Structures are given as structure tokens and as C-alpha cells.
Amino acid sequence: MFERRQERLLPRRRFYGRMARSAGAAGAVVLGSLAIGVLGYHHFEHLSWLDSLLNASMILSSMGPVNPIQTDAGKLFASFYALFSGVAFITVIGVLFAPVAHRLLHRFHLQFVEEDEARRKPGDSAGRKTNPP
């Protein structure tokens, strides 16, 4: 998915495309997670669709539930959904920042390689050991 160590830095236009794909993937994870929460609250707590959306959104954003949870099944669902939401949040952050972090590290690597090549003398074996004749 990302360019390798020996490859040149990706042009900005293609990098922005990569960022858009990452944002789309992160958005899909958020929408999927939100759908799971809405369906769960509607089914287990018998909340209206709007209240289910509100509760799922608040849990997904780490704010906590709005409506009190009444049923045992709803409490179990809310517990697992809260744990799932924490993992989903970390996943979304990772997917969003992976292209930026990769570009930054790739740029640093290229900078170090160029500096290393500039310091080498012509005919230098780049620190590789050679067998004596």
C-alpha cells in the first residue's frame, strides 16, 4: 500500500488521494460502528431510533450514555459496545494518521540516505566489508 524504502517520495497529488482513501476507510469504520450501536440500543433497550442514535454516538465519542440502561441485556450490550468503541476509536486514529506518519518517516529516511551518499567519497564501498585477495 505504501512506497518502499528505496522508492521516491510520493507526489503530493497521489498523497492527497491516499489521505482521501484513509479518510473514507475511517469514515466507514465510524458508520459501521454507529450502525452496530444504533441497532443494539434499539433492540436491547427498546429505544426509539433517534434515542438509539444519540446513545450510540455518545458512547462512540467516549461521552457516555444519555438514557439510563434498564434491561440486563441492554447493560451487557452497552458494556461490550463501550469496549468495542474504544478499539474502534484507536483504529480510526491509526487509519487516519498512518499515511502522514509514513510520509514523515519516509522523508526522514530519504534525507538521511541523501546525506550519507553526499558524505561518501567516490570509490568508497559504503562501509561494506570486502574479502582480502
Protein backbone atom coordinates (compact mmCIF):
# COMPACT_ATOMS: atom_id res chain seq x y z
CA MET A 1 0.00 0.00 0.00
CA PHE A 2 2.83 2.43 0.84
CA GLU A 3 6.01 3.05 -1.11
CA ARG A 4 9.07 1.11 -0.08
CA ARG A 5 12.24 2.43 1.48
CA GLN A 6 14.15 2.65 -1.81
CA GLU A 7 11.33 4.40 -3.72
CA ARG A 8 10.98 8.13 -4.13
CA LEU A 9 8.56 10.17 -2.05
CA LEU A 10 5.01 10.01 -3.38
CA PRO A 11 3.89 13.17 -5.24
CA ARG A 12 1.52 15.38 -3.26
CA ARG A 13 -1.46 14.75 -5.54
CA ARG A 14 -1.19 10.99 -5.04
CA PHE A 15 -0.56 11.52 -1.32
CA TYR A 16 -3.80 13.51 -1.06
CA GLY A 17 -5.56 10.63 -2.81
CA ARG A 18 -4.09 8.26 -0.24
CA MET A 19 -5.33 10.54 2.54
CA ALA A 20 -8.81 10.59 0.98
CA ARG A 21 -8.87 6.78 0.87
CA SER A 22 -7.78 6.63 4.50
CA ALA A 23 -10.46 9.14 5.48
CA GLY A 24 -13.02 7.06 3.58
CA ALA A 25 -11.93 3.89 5.36
CA ALA A 26 -12.05 5.67 8.73
CA GLY A 27 -15.50 7.03 7.92
CA ALA A 28 -16.68 3.53 7.01
CA VAL A 29 -15.44 2.20 10.36
CA VAL A 30 -17.25 5.02 12.19
CA LEU A 31 -20.50 4.48 10.26
CA GLY A 32 -20.33 0.72 10.77
CA SER A 33 -19.68 1.16 14.48
CA LEU A 34 -22.50 3.64 14.75
CA ALA A 35 -24.86 1.24 12.97
CA ILE A 36 -23.98 -1.55 15.40
CA GLY A 37 -24.71 0.76 18.33
CA VAL A 38 -28.00 2.05 16.93
CA LEU A 39 -29.26 -1.45 16.20
CA GLY A 40 -28.13 -2.73 19.59
CA TYR A 41 -29.74 0.05 21.61
CA HIS A 42 -32.93 -0.18 19.56
CA HIS A 43 -33.12 -3.95 20.00
CA PHE A 44 -31.94 -4.43 23.59
CA GLU A 45 -33.20 -1.24 25.23
CA HIS A 46 -36.25 -0.67 23.01
CA LEU A 47 -35.23 2.96 22.47
CA SER A 48 -36.53 4.98 19.56
CA TRP A 49 -34.26 5.20 16.52
CA LEU A 50 -33.31 8.76 17.40
CA ASP A 51 -32.51 7.93 21.03
CA SER A 52 -30.56 4.88 19.87
CA LEU A 53 -28.54 7.08 17.54
CA LEU A 54 -27.90 9.57 20.34
CA ASN A 55 -26.74 6.88 22.78
CA ALA A 56 -24.55 5.16 20.17
CA SER A 57 -22.99 8.49 19.16
CA MET A 58 -22.27 9.45 22.74
CA ILE A 59 -20.70 6.08 23.57
CA LEU A 60 -18.69 6.07 20.33
CA SER A 61 -17.32 9.53 21.13
CA SER A 62 -16.47 8.46 24.71
CA MET A 63 -19.03 10.78 26.31
CA GLY A 64 -21.18 8.11 27.96
CA PRO A 65 -24.82 7.12 27.53
CA VAL A 66 -27.64 9.67 27.67
CA ASN A 67 -30.56 7.41 28.55
CA PRO A 68 -30.32 5.15 31.61
CA ILE A 69 -29.99 1.48 30.75
CA GLN A 70 -32.87 -0.56 32.14
CA THR A 71 -32.53 -4.17 30.97
CA ASP A 72 -29.84 -6.72 31.77
CA ALA A 73 -29.38 -7.45 28.06
CA GLY A 74 -29.03 -3.72 27.44
CA LYS A 75 -26.40 -3.45 30.15
CA LEU A 76 -24.40 -6.30 28.65
CA PHE A 77 -24.69 -4.77 25.19
CA ALA A 78 -23.66 -1.34 26.48
CA SER A 79 -20.62 -2.86 28.21
CA PHE A 80 -19.41 -4.66 25.10
CA TYR A 81 -20.26 -1.72 22.86
CA ALA A 82 -18.22 0.63 25.07
CA LEU A 83 -15.20 -1.70 24.84
CA PHE A 84 -15.71 -2.07 21.10
CA SER A 85 -15.98 1.71 20.73
CA GLY A 86 -12.60 2.22 22.39
CA VAL A 87 -10.96 -0.17 19.94
CA ALA A 88 -12.83 1.41 17.02
CA PHE A 89 -11.61 4.87 18.07
CA ILE A 90 -7.98 3.72 18.18
CA THR A 91 -8.41 2.03 14.79
CA VAL A 92 -9.85 5.17 13.21
CA ILE A 93 -7.00 7.30 14.57
CA GLY A 94 -4.46 4.79 13.24
CA VAL A 95 -6.06 4.66 9.80
CA LEU A 96 -6.22 8.45 9.59
CA PHE A 97 -2.65 9.11 10.70
CA ALA A 98 -0.87 6.18 9.02
CA PRO A 99 -0.29 7.96 5.68
CA VAL A 100 1.00 11.10 7.41
CA ALA A 101 3.30 9.15 9.73
CA HIS A 102 4.57 7.03 6.84
CA ARG A 103 5.29 10.08 4.69
CA LEU A 104 7.13 11.78 7.53
CA LEU A 105 9.27 8.72 8.28
CA HIS A 106 9.88 8.10 4.57
CA ARG A 107 11.01 11.70 4.10
CA PHE A 108 13.42 11.42 7.05
CA HIS A 109 14.81 8.19 5.65
CA LEU A 110 15.38 9.74 2.22
CA GLN A 111 17.02 12.75 3.83
CA PHE A 112 19.43 10.53 5.78
CA VAL A 113 20.24 8.44 2.71
CA GLU A 114 20.99 11.58 0.65
CA GLU A 115 23.22 12.98 3.41
CA ASP A 116 25.02 9.65 3.72
CA GLU A 117 25.62 9.50 -0.04
CA ALA A 118 26.91 13.08 -0.05
CA ARG A 119 29.48 12.24 2.65
CA ARG A 120 30.80 9.18 0.85
CA LYS A 121 33.89 9.53 -1.24
CA PRO A 122 33.93 8.25 -4.81
CA GLY A 123 35.01 4.63 -4.85
CA ASP A 124 34.03 4.11 -1.21
CA SER A 125 32.44 0.73 -0.56
CA ALA A 126 29.82 2.32 1.76
CA GLY A 127 31.20 0.59 4.80
CA ARG A 128 30.78 -2.89 3.36
CA LYS A 129 33.40 -5.42 4.33
CA THR A 130 35.41 -6.80 1.47
CA ASN A 131 37.36 -10.01 1.50
CA PRO A 132 41.12 -9.56 1.14
CA PRO A 133 42.64 -11.02 -2.06
